[in-house]
Protein backbone atom coordinates (compact mmCIF):
# COMPACT_ATOMS: atom_id res chain seq x y z
CA MET A 1 -1.60 3.47 -10.34
CA ALA A 2 -1.69 2.76 -13.85
CA GLY A 3 -1.45 -1.03 -14.38
CA LEU A 4 -2.26 -1.82 -10.72
CA THR A 5 -5.95 -2.26 -12.23
CA ALA A 6 -5.54 -3.53 -15.52
CA THR A 7 -6.39 -7.13 -16.36
CA LEU A 8 -3.49 -8.87 -15.77
CA PHE A 9 -4.69 -12.72 -16.60
CA ALA A 10 -6.22 -14.07 -19.50
CA GLN A 11 -9.85 -14.54 -19.79
CA THR A 12 -11.07 -17.82 -18.15
CA ARG A 13 -14.24 -19.78 -19.33
CA GLY A 14 -16.50 -22.20 -17.32
CA PRO A 15 -17.44 -22.62 -13.99
CA GLN A 16 -14.41 -20.51 -12.42
CA SER A 17 -15.15 -17.90 -14.36
CA GLU A 18 -18.65 -17.94 -13.21
CA ASP A 19 -17.91 -18.42 -9.52
CA ILE A 20 -15.47 -15.40 -9.91
CA ARG A 21 -18.13 -13.24 -11.08
CA LYS A 22 -20.68 -14.71 -8.65
CA GLY A 23 -17.82 -13.47 -5.87
CA SER A 24 -16.92 -10.13 -7.41
CA ALA A 25 -20.78 -9.35 -7.40
CA LEU A 26 -21.07 -10.08 -3.59
CA ASP A 27 -18.48 -8.02 -2.75
CA LEU A 28 -20.40 -5.04 -4.22
CA GLU A 29 -23.20 -5.84 -1.71
CA GLY A 30 -21.13 -6.20 1.22
CA LYS A 31 -21.26 -9.69 1.52
CA GLY A 32 -18.22 -10.82 1.84
CA ALA A 33 -18.13 -13.80 3.61
CA GLU A 34 -20.32 -15.44 0.80
CA ALA A 35 -18.23 -13.95 -1.86
CA ARG A 36 -15.11 -15.78 -0.50
CA GLN A 37 -16.79 -19.30 -0.64
CA TYR A 38 -16.82 -18.39 -4.44
CA PHE A 39 -13.48 -17.31 -4.59
CA ALA A 40 -12.44 -20.68 -3.03
CA LYS A 41 -14.19 -22.84 -5.36
CA ALA A 42 -12.76 -21.03 -7.89
CA ILE A 43 -9.05 -21.48 -6.62
CA ASP A 44 -9.67 -25.48 -5.62
CA ALA A 45 -11.23 -26.10 -9.49
CA ALA A 46 -8.69 -23.84 -11.23
CA SER A 47 -6.78 -26.11 -13.80
CA THR A 48 -4.07 -23.93 -14.21
CA PRO A 49 -1.58 -22.46 -12.23
CA GLN A 50 -2.54 -18.88 -13.88
CA ALA A 51 -6.04 -20.01 -13.43
CA LYS A 52 -5.47 -20.36 -9.79
CA ALA A 53 -3.43 -17.37 -9.14
CA GLN A 54 -6.29 -15.54 -10.43
CA ALA A 55 -8.62 -16.83 -8.36
CA GLN A 56 -6.42 -15.99 -5.46
CA ARG A 57 -6.37 -12.58 -6.94
CA ALA A 58 -9.92 -12.08 -6.63
CA MET A 59 -9.80 -13.54 -3.02
CA ALA A 60 -7.41 -11.01 -2.18
CA MET A 61 -9.48 -8.26 -3.47
CA SER A 62 -12.42 -9.94 -1.62
CA TYR A 63 -10.81 -9.02 1.70
CA ALA A 64 -9.68 -5.53 0.34
CA PHE A 65 -13.33 -4.47 0.63
CA GLU A 66 -13.11 -5.16 3.83
CA ASN A 67 -9.64 -3.27 4.40
CA ASP A 68 -8.18 -6.36 5.90
CA CYS A 69 -4.83 -5.56 4.97
CA ALA A 70 -3.61 -9.13 6.13
CA ASN A 71 -5.42 -11.44 4.61
CA THR A 72 -5.11 -9.40 1.54
CA VAL A 73 -1.66 -9.92 1.57
CA LYS A 74 -1.97 -13.57 2.38
CA TYR A 75 -3.33 -13.74 -1.14
CA GLU A 76 -1.55 -11.25 -3.10
CA GLN A 77 1.78 -13.08 -1.49
CA MET A 78 0.64 -16.32 -3.60
CA VAL A 79 -0.23 -14.18 -6.79
CA PHE A 80 3.38 -12.92 -6.48
CA ASP A 81 4.80 -16.22 -5.98
CA TYR A 82 3.23 -17.28 -9.30
CA TRP A 83 4.65 -14.40 -11.41
CA LYS A 84 7.92 -15.44 -9.58
CA SER A 85 7.71 -18.81 -10.79
CA VAL A 86 7.50 -17.80 -14.09
CA GLY A 87 9.78 -15.31 -13.92
CA ASP A 88 7.78 -12.04 -14.71
CA PHE A 89 9.43 -9.56 -12.30
CA TYR A 90 6.79 -6.93 -13.58
CA GLN A 91 3.83 -8.58 -12.63
CA GLN A 92 5.61 -8.98 -9.19
CA GLY A 93 5.77 -5.49 -8.92
CA GLU A 94 2.33 -4.51 -9.71
CA MET A 95 1.09 -7.10 -7.32
CA ALA A 96 3.47 -5.88 -4.60
CA ASN A 97 2.00 -3.00 -5.16
CA GLU A 98 -1.50 -3.60 -5.35
CA ALA A 99 -1.13 -5.31 -1.52
CA ALA A 100 0.44 -2.24 -0.71
CA ARG A 101 -2.22 -0.05 -1.71
CA VAL A 102 -4.71 -1.97 0.30
CA CYS A 103 -2.77 -1.67 2.84
CA ILE A 104 -1.76 2.13 3.33
CA GLU A 105 -5.62 2.44 3.16
CA ALA A 106 -6.53 0.06 5.88
CA GLY A 107 -3.93 2.20 8.03
CA ASP A 108 -1.06 -0.72 8.35
CA LEU A 109 1.65 2.22 6.88
CA ASN A 110 4.35 -0.44 7.67
CA THR A 111 3.09 -3.24 5.60
CA ALA A 112 2.38 -0.77 2.88
CA GLU A 113 5.55 0.59 3.32
CA HIS A 114 7.18 -2.99 3.29
CA TRP A 115 5.40 -4.04 -0.09
CA TYR A 116 5.85 -0.60 -1.97
CA LYS A 117 9.74 -1.40 -1.58
CA LEU A 118 9.71 -4.76 -2.71
CA GLY A 119 7.41 -3.75 -5.66
CA HIS A 120 10.00 -1.07 -6.49
CA ASP A 121 12.87 -3.25 -6.30
CA VAL A 122 11.61 -6.34 -8.18
CA GLY A 123 10.11 -4.54 -10.70
CA LEU A 124 13.82 -3.11 -11.64
CA LYS A 125 15.09 -6.38 -11.63
CA GLN A 126 13.42 -6.98 -15.06
CA THR A 127 15.69 -8.49 -17.51
CA ASP A 128 16.29 -5.64 -20.39
CA ILE A 129 14.08 -2.93 -18.49
CA PRO A 130 13.26 0.06 -20.88
CA PRO A 131 14.12 3.39 -19.40
CA GLU A 132 10.72 4.65 -19.30
CA ARG A 133 9.90 1.41 -17.17
CA VAL A 134 12.74 2.25 -14.72
CA SER A 135 11.19 5.57 -14.57
CA LEU A 136 7.64 4.34 -13.77
CA TRP A 137 9.26 2.39 -11.02
CA ASN A 138 11.03 5.24 -9.41
CA PHE A 139 7.76 7.70 -9.88
CA ARG A 140 5.82 4.81 -8.24
CA TRP A 141 8.27 4.52 -5.55
CA GLU A 142 8.53 8.27 -4.52
CA HIS A 143 4.39 8.87 -4.97
CA ALA A 144 4.01 5.61 -2.28
CA GLN A 145 7.04 7.52 -0.06
CA ALA A 146 4.98 10.87 -0.50
CA ARG A 147 1.63 9.63 0.59
CA LEU A 148 2.61 7.25 3.53
CA ALA A 149 4.55 10.41 5.04
CA ALA A 150 1.59 12.35 4.79
CA ARG A 151 -0.38 9.72 6.18
CA ARG A 152 2.31 9.80 9.39
CA GLY A 153 1.47 13.46 9.30
CA ASN A 154 5.10 14.60 8.06
CA ARG A 155 4.32 17.55 5.62
CA ALA A 156 7.77 18.17 5.17
CA GLU A 157 9.13 14.53 4.09
CA ALA A 158 5.84 14.15 2.03
CA GLN A 159 6.76 17.00 -0.01
CA LYS A 160 10.25 16.45 -0.31
CA HIS A 161 8.82 13.21 -2.31
CA VAL A 162 6.35 14.83 -4.11
CA ALA A 163 9.10 16.99 -5.86
CA ALA A 164 11.07 13.87 -6.19
CA ALA A 165 8.31 12.77 -8.12
CA LYS A 166 7.89 15.17 -10.06
CA ALA A 167 11.08 15.31 -11.21
CA ILE A 168 10.99 12.28 -12.02
CA LEU A 169 7.77 13.10 -15.01
CA ASP A 170 9.47 16.13 -15.85
CA LYS A 171 12.76 13.91 -16.98
CA ASP A 172 10.84 11.10 -18.71
CA PRO A 173 8.22 12.76 -21.26
CA LYS A 174 7.40 9.40 -22.62
CA MET A 175 6.71 7.35 -19.22
CA ALA A 176 4.86 10.83 -18.19
CA GLU A 177 2.58 10.57 -20.99
CA ALA A 178 0.62 7.79 -19.24
CA GLN A 179 1.87 8.86 -15.48
CA ALA A 180 0.72 12.72 -15.07
CA ILE A 181 -2.49 12.03 -14.32
CA PHE A 182 -1.37 10.62 -11.18
CA TYR A 183 0.41 13.60 -10.33
CA PRO A 184 -2.51 15.83 -8.90
CA TYR A 185 -4.04 12.61 -7.37
CA LEU A 186 -0.86 12.69 -5.38
CA THR A 187 -0.56 16.16 -4.40
CA GLY A 188 -4.29 16.04 -3.37
CA TYR A 189 -3.88 13.27 -1.49
CA VAL A 190 -1.01 15.00 0.49
CA ALA A 191 -2.81 18.24 1.11
CA LEU A 192 -5.85 16.01 2.19
CA TYR A 193 -3.82 14.24 4.92
CA THR A 194 -1.55 17.15 5.80
CA GLY A 195 -4.52 19.40 6.27
CA ASP A 196 -5.31 21.52 3.36
CA PRO A 197 -8.62 20.72 1.95
CA LYS A 198 -8.51 23.46 -0.32
CA THR A 199 -5.50 22.67 -2.09
CA ALA A 200 -6.73 18.82 -2.09
CA ALA A 201 -10.00 19.63 -3.88
CA ASP A 202 -8.40 21.69 -6.36
CA ASP A 203 -5.84 18.91 -7.37
CA LEU A 204 -7.83 16.25 -7.06
CA ALA A 205 -10.27 17.96 -9.68
CA LYS A 206 -7.42 17.32 -11.74
CA ALA A 207 -6.88 13.91 -11.51
CA ASN A 208 -9.12 11.28 -13.05
CA GLN A 209 -12.53 12.16 -12.49
CA ASN A 210 -13.67 8.34 -13.14
CA ASP A 211 -11.62 6.81 -10.82
CA PRO A 212 -13.67 6.12 -7.41
CA PHE A 213 -10.89 6.26 -5.08
CA ILE A 214 -10.26 9.79 -6.28
CA GLN A 215 -13.86 10.21 -5.91
CA CYS A 216 -13.64 9.60 -2.65
CA LEU A 217 -10.72 11.74 -1.64
CA MET A 218 -12.64 14.47 -3.21
CA GLY A 219 -15.60 14.16 -1.00
CA GLN A 220 -13.69 13.96 1.90
CA ALA A 221 -12.00 17.12 0.98
CA TYR A 222 -15.11 18.84 0.56
CA GLU A 223 -16.38 17.63 3.72
CA LYS A 224 -13.69 19.59 5.25
CA LEU A 225 -14.62 22.59 3.47
CA GLY A 226 -18.53 22.35 4.88
CA GLU A 227 -19.39 21.82 1.08
CA LYS A 228 -21.60 18.74 2.25
CA GLU A 229 -23.84 18.47 -1.11
CA LYS A 230 -20.31 18.25 -3.07
CA ALA A 231 -19.13 15.99 -1.14
CA MET A 232 -22.03 13.46 -1.21
CA GLU A 233 -22.29 13.94 -5.20
CA CYS A 234 -18.87 12.27 -4.98
CA TYR A 235 -19.96 9.74 -2.56
CA ARG A 236 -22.48 8.59 -5.14
CA LYS A 237 -20.33 8.15 -7.87
CA ALA A 238 -17.81 6.58 -5.79
CA ALA A 239 -20.52 4.25 -4.53
CA ALA A 240 -21.93 3.10 -8.02
CA THR A 241 -18.19 1.46 -9.13
CA THR A 242 -18.98 -1.85 -10.21
CA ALA A 243 -14.95 -2.76 -10.56
CA HIS A 244 -13.22 -5.56 -8.06
CA ASN A 245 -10.09 -3.47 -7.68
CA PRO A 246 -8.25 -1.79 -5.10
CA PRO A 247 -9.71 1.98 -5.69
CA ALA A 248 -13.25 -0.25 -5.85
CA ALA A 249 -12.51 -1.88 -2.83
CA TYR A 250 -11.40 1.02 -0.77
CA ALA A 251 -14.25 3.32 -2.06
CA ARG A 252 -17.93 0.99 -2.64
CA PRO A 253 -17.82 0.56 1.09
CA PHE A 254 -16.57 3.91 2.04
CA ALA A 255 -18.82 5.83 0.22
CA THR A 256 -22.08 3.52 0.61
CA LYS A 257 -21.11 4.25 4.97
CA LYS A 258 -21.08 7.90 3.89
CA LEU A 259 -24.69 7.89 2.17
CA SER A 260 -25.97 5.58 4.73
């Protein structure tokens, strides 16, 4: 969701930056063990706590490329603790949600739920939090609960949270300016995991078409509909991502496997 894939750290320079770049490139090639050697060097070479947290976050994403919820959480916890040390509740929430997003797609729904709830709760602790950010955290929590319910096969529960998410969007137009694009992602995701691939394909077509995660969801919907060429086209787009974040960590390996 918005913010989760944004750059949360200042750009680093020198050897540490080069190690993160090399590690990220190796993850994209499916060479996680080699990638993590570079991230470990970047962690060890960090000259500030913030730089160390940046490298730890890159390490977390390396494990995400292998659907490794436990190790992703291990390193996201370190980044979370850095933001806690500087009193930044918003970034704590961002990191918690990032860990949760990896875990839900890895199939560890209970861990994902824990981290989504933590992200929501800590995000709301922000001092002088503006109303639209309160809405944002509440929207994200309903969004997460709907997806979790869908993954657990509880369509009625999922739809309850979908409706709650829509009500939050409708009530806060300012927040919705940036977040409305995540609503068709939500409805499409729920439809896909509750046995309605036609609605999934239709709704996901209204979501962010440049998001490799969305492209993979669309590919799965088209596969279920028997539209193989459309599915393969979605997977080709997803496999071309060069990002190093949760959507790419899921999409690049998933799509590459589909295309092989």
